[in-house]
Amino acid sequence: MTSHFLILHGWQNHRPPAHWQHWLADRLDGLGHRVTYPQLPDPDDPSLEVWLSELGRYLDGMDGEERVVLAHSASAVLWLHAVARGIVTDGAVDRVLLVAPPSASVLARYPEVAEFTPPALDFALPTPTRLVAGDDDPYCPEGARELYGDPFGIPTDLLPGAAHLDLDAGYGSWPAVLEWCLDPAAKITVRPV
């Protein structure tokens, strides 16, 4: 089966080659899947409205037997905004992985991303969704399961000592996320040391 993967980065991410998202895009492409891994506009001072528009455009361009979205950090919250506003509808994609979404309390402290503060979580996710986060993420001190997993009733993998699942936490290659891309039943674990 050929899948189309849309990989969305977070705030201040300029898609460095050593990041797990870049590593993942290269591996999926090498396996013959279609991969869209765009540089979103102004990653250091992003506009929620611009990123929502870009997301809508990329979603419109997705095809393949299976359409999968992986969103890290601010883009995980971007996804929630898109669902809340009806930009993402039933059937738009087949499954979603939200990775390390930051909390409202943290986003509100930074003027550059304050507008990304999550919407009220009073809506249903239209697509099978999974959440993965570090159990010690400094960008979500209240806990990703408590803030996002439980309210949506979605499966949540809390990874011990994984922090924000970024380069600072040592997440370059991450075989478990590749395994999940190929098999949604795969367990997502910390990367090998």
C-alpha atoms as a PDB file:
ATOM      1  CA  MET A   1       0.000   0.000   0.000  1.00  0.00           C
ATOM      2  CA  THR A   2       1.301   3.444  -0.910  1.00  0.00           C
ATOM      3  CA  SER A   3       0.574   6.123   1.667  1.00  0.00           C
ATOM      4  CA  HIS A   4       0.858   9.884   1.604  1.00  0.00           C
ATOM      5  CA  PHE A   5       2.428  11.357   4.742  1.00  0.00           C
ATOM      6  CA  LEU A   6       2.146  15.019   5.693  1.00  0.00           C
ATOM      7  CA  ILE A   7       4.776  15.923   8.296  1.00  0.00           C
ATOM      8  CA  LEU A   8       4.323  19.259  10.071  1.00  0.00           C
ATOM      9  CA  HIS A   9       7.035  20.908  12.162  1.00  0.00           C
ATOM     10  CA  GLY A  10       6.731  23.234  15.130  1.00  0.00           C
ATOM     11  CA  TRP A  11       7.826  26.679  16.236  1.00  0.00           C
ATOM     12  CA  GLN A  12      11.435  27.644  15.415  1.00  0.00           C
ATOM     13  CA  ASN A  13      11.936  24.443  13.436  1.00  0.00           C
ATOM     14  CA  HIS A  14      13.767  25.078  10.179  1.00  0.00           C
ATOM     15  CA  ARG A  15      13.671  21.381   9.263  1.00  0.00           C
ATOM     16  CA  PRO A  16      17.250  20.519  10.276  1.00  0.00           C
ATOM     17  CA  PRO A  17      18.478  17.310   8.623  1.00  0.00           C
ATOM     18  CA  ALA A  18      19.283  15.753  12.004  1.00  0.00           C
ATOM     19  CA  HIS A  19      15.695  16.095  13.353  1.00  0.00           C
ATOM     20  CA  TRP A  20      13.525  12.965  13.546  1.00  0.00           C
ATOM     21  CA  GLN A  21      10.980  14.485  11.155  1.00  0.00           C
ATOM     22  CA  HIS A  22      13.610  14.904   8.447  1.00  0.00           C
ATOM     23  CA  TRP A  23      14.957  11.422   9.180  1.00  0.00           C
ATOM     24  CA  LEU A  24      11.411  10.030   8.946  1.00  0.00           C
ATOM     25  CA  ALA A  25      10.620  11.828   5.676  1.00  0.00           C
ATOM     26  CA  ASP A  26      13.780  10.383   4.113  1.00  0.00           C
ATOM     27  CA  ARG A  27      12.962   6.835   5.282  1.00  0.00           C
ATOM     28  CA  LEU A  28       9.337   6.956   4.110  1.00  0.00           C
ATOM     29  CA  ASP A  29      10.359   8.386   0.733  1.00  0.00           C
ATOM     30  CA  GLY A  30      12.962   5.637   0.399  1.00  0.00           C
ATOM     31  CA  LEU A  31      10.220   3.055   0.953  1.00  0.00           C
ATOM     32  CA  GLY A  32       8.239   4.481  -1.959  1.00  0.00           C
ATOM     33  CA  HIS A  33       5.660   6.482  -0.034  1.00  0.00           C
ATOM     34  CA  ARG A  34       4.646   9.986  -0.953  1.00  0.00           C
ATOM     35  CA  VAL A  35       5.898  12.479   1.620  1.00  0.00           C
ATOM     36  CA  THR A  36       5.096  16.157   2.028  1.00  0.00           C
ATOM     37  CA  TYR A  37       7.366  17.832   4.573  1.00  0.00           C
ATOM     38  CA  PRO A  38       7.008  21.568   3.985  1.00  0.00           C
ATOM     39  CA  GLN A  39       8.832  24.452   5.566  1.00  0.00           C
ATOM     40  CA  LEU A  40       5.948  26.424   7.020  1.00  0.00           C
ATOM     41  CA  PRO A  41       6.214  30.226   6.684  1.00  0.00           C
ATOM     42  CA  ASP A  42       8.047  32.263   9.298  1.00  0.00           C
ATOM     43  CA  PRO A  43       8.744  29.440  11.763  1.00  0.00           C
ATOM     44  CA  ASP A  44      10.327  31.852  14.269  1.00  0.00           C
ATOM     45  CA  ASP A  45       7.295  34.162  14.336  1.00  0.00           C
ATOM     46  CA  PRO A  46       4.458  32.105  12.843  1.00  0.00           C
ATOM     47  CA  SER A  47       0.968  33.316  12.048  1.00  0.00           C
ATOM     48  CA  LEU A  48      -1.810  30.942  13.029  1.00  0.00           C
ATOM     49  CA  GLU A  49      -3.953  32.119  10.112  1.00  0.00           C
ATOM     50  CA  VAL A  50      -1.134  31.635   7.594  1.00  0.00           C
ATOM     51  CA  TRP A  51      -0.299  28.188   8.947  1.00  0.00           C
ATOM     52  CA  LEU A  52      -3.989  27.201   8.854  1.00  0.00           C
ATOM     53  CA  SER A  53      -4.172  28.305   5.229  1.00  0.00           C
ATOM     54  CA  GLU A  54      -1.029  26.316   4.415  1.00  0.00           C
ATOM     55  CA  LEU A  55      -2.403  23.260   6.202  1.00  0.00           C
ATOM     56  CA  GLY A  56      -5.636  23.466   4.205  1.00  0.00           C
ATOM     57  CA  ARG A  57      -3.660  23.670   0.983  1.00  0.00           C
ATOM     58  CA  TYR A  58      -1.533  20.650   1.874  1.00  0.00           C
ATOM     59  CA  LEU A  59      -4.568  18.637   2.928  1.00  0.00           C
ATOM     60  CA  ASP A  60      -6.232  19.388  -0.419  1.00  0.00           C
ATOM     61  CA  GLY A  61      -3.172  17.952  -2.163  1.00  0.00           C
ATOM     62  CA  MET A  62      -3.086  14.664  -0.276  1.00  0.00           C
ATOM     63  CA  ASP A  63      -3.821  11.468  -2.136  1.00  0.00           C
ATOM     64  CA  GLY A  64      -2.874   7.816  -1.895  1.00  0.00           C
ATOM     65  CA  GLU A  65      -4.439   4.723  -0.444  1.00  0.00           C
ATOM     66  CA  GLU A  66      -3.825   6.065   3.051  1.00  0.00           C
ATOM     67  CA  ARG A  67      -3.348   9.690   4.130  1.00  0.00           C
ATOM     68  CA  VAL A  68      -1.448  10.217   7.384  1.00  0.00           C
ATOM     69  CA  VAL A  69      -0.587  13.421   9.266  1.00  0.00           C
ATOM     70  CA  LEU A  70       2.219  13.702  11.811  1.00  0.00           C
ATOM     71  CA  ALA A  71       2.265  17.021  13.656  1.00  0.00           C
ATOM     72  CA  HIS A  72       4.918  18.047  16.180  1.00  0.00           C
ATOM     73  CA  SER A  73       4.714  20.736  18.855  1.00  0.00           C
ATOM     74  CA  ALA A  74       2.981  23.925  17.629  1.00  0.00           C
ATOM     75  CA  SER A  75       1.693  22.040  14.591  1.00  0.00           C
ATOM     76  CA  ALA A  76      -0.082  19.573  16.892  1.00  0.00           C
ATOM     77  CA  VAL A  77      -2.002  22.544  18.293  1.00  0.00           C
ATOM     78  CA  LEU A  78      -2.400  23.884  14.741  1.00  0.00           C
ATOM     79  CA  TRP A  79      -4.169  20.611  13.920  1.00  0.00           C
ATOM     80  CA  LEU A  80      -6.585  21.137  16.813  1.00  0.00           C
ATOM     81  CA  HIS A  81      -7.375  24.653  15.593  1.00  0.00           C
ATOM     82  CA  ALA A  82      -7.997  23.296  12.089  1.00  0.00           C
ATOM     83  CA  VAL A  83     -10.402  20.669  13.409  1.00  0.00           C
ATOM     84  CA  ALA A  84     -12.194  23.167  15.662  1.00  0.00           C
ATOM     85  CA  ARG A  85     -12.705  25.513  12.699  1.00  0.00           C
ATOM     86  CA  GLY A  86     -13.914  22.792  10.333  1.00  0.00           C
ATOM     87  CA  ILE A  87     -10.850  22.966   8.075  1.00  0.00           C
ATOM     88  CA  VAL A  88     -10.317  19.270   8.757  1.00  0.00           C
ATOM     89  CA  THR A  89     -13.440  17.249   8.063  1.00  0.00           C
ATOM     90  CA  ASP A  90     -14.425  13.592   8.257  1.00  0.00           C
ATOM     91  CA  GLY A  91     -12.489  11.646   5.670  1.00  0.00           C
ATOM     92  CA  ALA A  92      -9.836  14.324   5.075  1.00  0.00           C
ATOM     93  CA  VAL A  93      -7.119  11.944   6.319  1.00  0.00           C
ATOM     94  CA  ASP A  94      -7.017   8.395   7.608  1.00  0.00           C
ATOM     95  CA  ARG A  95      -5.005   8.828  10.807  1.00  0.00           C
ATOM     96  CA  VAL A  96      -3.066  11.409  12.784  1.00  0.00           C
ATOM     97  CA  LEU A  97      -0.156  11.383  15.205  1.00  0.00           C
ATOM     98  CA  LEU A  98       0.096  14.398  17.503  1.00  0.00           C
ATOM     99  CA  VAL A  99       3.593  14.659  18.975  1.00  0.00           C
ATOM    100  CA  ALA A 100       4.451  16.780  22.020  1.00  0.00           C
ATOM    101  CA  PRO A 101       1.741  19.447  21.868  1.00  0.00           C
ATOM    102  CA  PRO A 102       2.628  22.412  24.079  1.00  0.00           C
ATOM    103  CA  SER A 103       0.265  23.626  26.764  1.00  0.00           C
ATOM    104  CA  ALA A 104      -1.697  26.871  26.736  1.00  0.00           C
ATOM    105  CA  SER A 105       0.254  28.114  29.758  1.00  0.00           C
ATOM    106  CA  VAL A 106       3.540  27.814  27.874  1.00  0.00           C
ATOM    107  CA  LEU A 107       2.303  29.184  24.533  1.00  0.00           C
ATOM    108  CA  ALA A 108       0.800  32.220  26.261  1.00  0.00           C
ATOM    109  CA  ARG A 109       4.253  33.166  27.634  1.00  0.00           C
ATOM    110  CA  TYR A 110       5.706  33.682  24.154  1.00  0.00           C
ATOM    111  CA  PRO A 111       4.231  36.506  22.027  1.00  0.00           C
ATOM    112  CA  GLU A 112       5.445  34.794  18.846  1.00  0.00           C
ATOM    113  CA  VAL A 113       3.135  31.795  19.402  1.00  0.00           C
ATOM    114  CA  ALA A 114       0.534  33.070  21.877  1.00  0.00           C
ATOM    115  CA  GLU A 115      -2.164  32.936  19.189  1.00  0.00           C
ATOM    116  CA  PHE A 116      -1.553  29.167  18.901  1.00  0.00           C
ATOM    117  CA  THR A 117      -2.987  28.696  22.394  1.00  0.00           C
ATOM    118  CA  PRO A 118      -5.334  25.719  21.964  1.00  0.00           C
ATOM    119  CA  PRO A 119      -9.012  26.270  21.291  1.00  0.00           C
ATOM    120  CA  ALA A 120     -11.616  24.994  23.744  1.00  0.00           C
ATOM    121  CA  LEU A 121     -11.451  21.215  23.438  1.00  0.00           C
ATOM    122  CA  ASP A 122     -15.212  20.860  23.083  1.00  0.00           C
ATOM    123  CA  PHE A 123     -15.192  19.089  19.717  1.00  0.00           C
ATOM    124  CA  ALA A 124     -14.556  15.569  18.496  1.00  0.00           C
ATOM    125  CA  LEU A 125     -11.569  14.579  16.423  1.00  0.00           C
ATOM    126  CA  PRO A 126     -12.829  13.360  13.023  1.00  0.00           C
ATOM    127  CA  THR A 127      -9.918  10.994  12.419  1.00  0.00           C
ATOM    128  CA  PRO A 128      -8.313   8.176  14.411  1.00  0.00           C
ATOM    129  CA  THR A 129      -5.689  10.044  16.403  1.00  0.00           C
ATOM    130  CA  ARG A 130      -2.849   9.056  18.662  1.00  0.00           C
ATOM    131  CA  LEU A 131      -0.859  11.244  21.014  1.00  0.00           C
ATOM    132  CA  VAL A 132       2.770  10.755  21.993  1.00  0.00           C
ATOM    133  CA  ALA A 133       4.669  12.981  24.402  1.00  0.00           C
ATOM    134  CA  GLY A 134       7.494  12.963  26.885  1.00  0.00           C
ATOM    135  CA  ASP A 135       6.471  12.500  30.501  1.00  0.00           C
ATOM    136  CA  ASP A 136       8.768  15.424  31.334  1.00  0.00           C
ATOM    137  CA  ASP A 137       8.039  17.813  28.449  1.00  0.00           C
ATOM    138  CA  PRO A 138       8.993  21.333  29.579  1.00  0.00           C
ATOM    139  CA  TYR A 139       6.566  22.743  26.995  1.00  0.00           C
ATOM    140  CA  CYS A 140       3.652  20.852  28.568  1.00  0.00           C
ATOM    141  CA  PRO A 141       4.306  20.787  32.316  1.00  0.00           C
ATOM    142  CA  GLU A 142       0.663  19.959  33.090  1.00  0.00           C
ATOM    143  CA  GLY A 143       0.985  16.698  31.147  1.00  0.00           C
ATOM    144  CA  ALA A 144      -0.098  15.859  27.600  1.00  0.00           C
ATOM    145  CA  ARG A 145      -2.392  13.028  28.669  1.00  0.00           C
ATOM    146  CA  GLU A 146      -4.246  15.272  31.106  1.00  0.00           C
ATOM    147  CA  LEU A 147      -4.516  18.239  28.721  1.00  0.00           C
ATOM    148  CA  TYR A 148      -5.118  16.463  25.404  1.00  0.00           C
ATOM    149  CA  GLY A 149      -5.320  12.685  25.631  1.00  0.00           C
ATOM    150  CA  ASP A 150      -8.037  12.358  28.267  1.00  0.00           C
ATOM    151  CA  PRO A 151     -10.304  15.173  26.984  1.00  0.00           C
ATOM    152  CA  PHE A 152     -10.327  13.620  23.502  1.00  0.00           C
ATOM    153  CA  GLY A 153     -10.270  10.032  24.714  1.00  0.00           C
ATOM    154  CA  ILE A 154      -7.363   9.194  22.434  1.00  0.00           C
ATOM    155  CA  PRO A 155      -4.610   6.637  22.963  1.00  0.00           C
ATOM    156  CA  THR A 156      -1.613   8.337  24.551  1.00  0.00           C
ATOM    157  CA  ASP A 157       1.955   7.118  24.774  1.00  0.00           C
ATOM    158  CA  LEU A 158       3.955   8.913  27.478  1.00  0.00           C
ATOM    159  CA  LEU A 159       7.638   8.325  26.920  1.00  0.00           C
ATOM    160  CA  PRO A 160       9.881   8.458  29.997  1.00  0.00           C
ATOM    161  CA  GLY A 161      12.575  11.112  29.837  1.00  0.00           C
ATOM    162  CA  ALA A 162      11.761  12.075  26.225  1.00  0.00           C
ATOM    163  CA  ALA A 163      11.195  15.780  27.014  1.00  0.00           C
ATOM    164  CA  HIS A 164       9.897  17.619  23.913  1.00  0.00           C
ATOM    165  CA  LEU A 165      10.828  14.855  21.458  1.00  0.00           C
ATOM    166  CA  ASP A 166      13.136  17.201  19.589  1.00  0.00           C
ATOM    167  CA  LEU A 167      16.836  17.456  18.811  1.00  0.00           C
ATOM    168  CA  ASP A 168      17.611  18.836  22.277  1.00  0.00           C
ATOM    169  CA  ALA A 169      16.136  15.609  23.677  1.00  0.00           C
ATOM    170  CA  GLY A 170      18.218  13.532  21.264  1.00  0.00           C
ATOM    171  CA  TYR A 171      15.470  12.738  18.766  1.00  0.00           C
ATOM    172  CA  GLY A 172      17.267  12.446  15.460  1.00  0.00           C
ATOM    173  CA  SER A 173      16.511   8.938  14.277  1.00  0.00           C
ATOM    174  CA  TRP A 174      13.371   7.479  15.867  1.00  0.00           C
ATOM    175  CA  PRO A 175      12.662   3.973  14.581  1.00  0.00           C
ATOM    176  CA  ALA A 176       9.457   3.553  16.627  1.00  0.00           C
ATOM    177  CA  VAL A 177       7.700   6.410  14.828  1.00  0.00           C
ATOM    178  CA  LEU A 178       8.671   4.895  11.480  1.00  0.00           C
ATOM    179  CA  GLU A 179       7.187   1.588  12.650  1.00  0.00           C
ATOM    180  CA  TRP A 180       3.942   3.396  13.564  1.00  0.00           C
ATOM    181  CA  CYS A 181       3.830   4.985  10.122  1.00  0.00           C
ATOM    182  CA  LEU A 182       4.012   1.543   8.565  1.00  0.00           C
ATOM    183  CA  ASP A 183       1.708  -0.128  11.127  1.00  0.00           C
ATOM    184  CA  PRO A 184      -0.691   1.969  13.249  1.00  0.00           C
ATOM    185  CA  ALA A 185      -0.824  -0.824  15.834  1.00  0.00           C
ATOM    186  CA  ALA A 186       2.924  -0.485  16.521  1.00  0.00           C
ATOM    187  CA  LYS A 187       3.879   0.720  19.966  1.00  0.00           C
ATOM    188  CA  ILE A 188       5.650   4.059  20.015  1.00  0.00           C
ATOM    189  CA  THR A 189       8.634   3.939  22.325  1.00  0.00           C
ATOM    190  CA  VAL A 190      11.645   6.049  23.194  1.00  0.00           C
ATOM    191  CA  ARG A 191      14.450   6.035  20.691  1.00  0.00           C
ATOM    192  CA  PRO A 192      17.326   3.649  21.313  1.00  0.00           C
ATOM    193  CA  VAL A 193      20.223   5.228  23.156  1.00  0.00           C
END
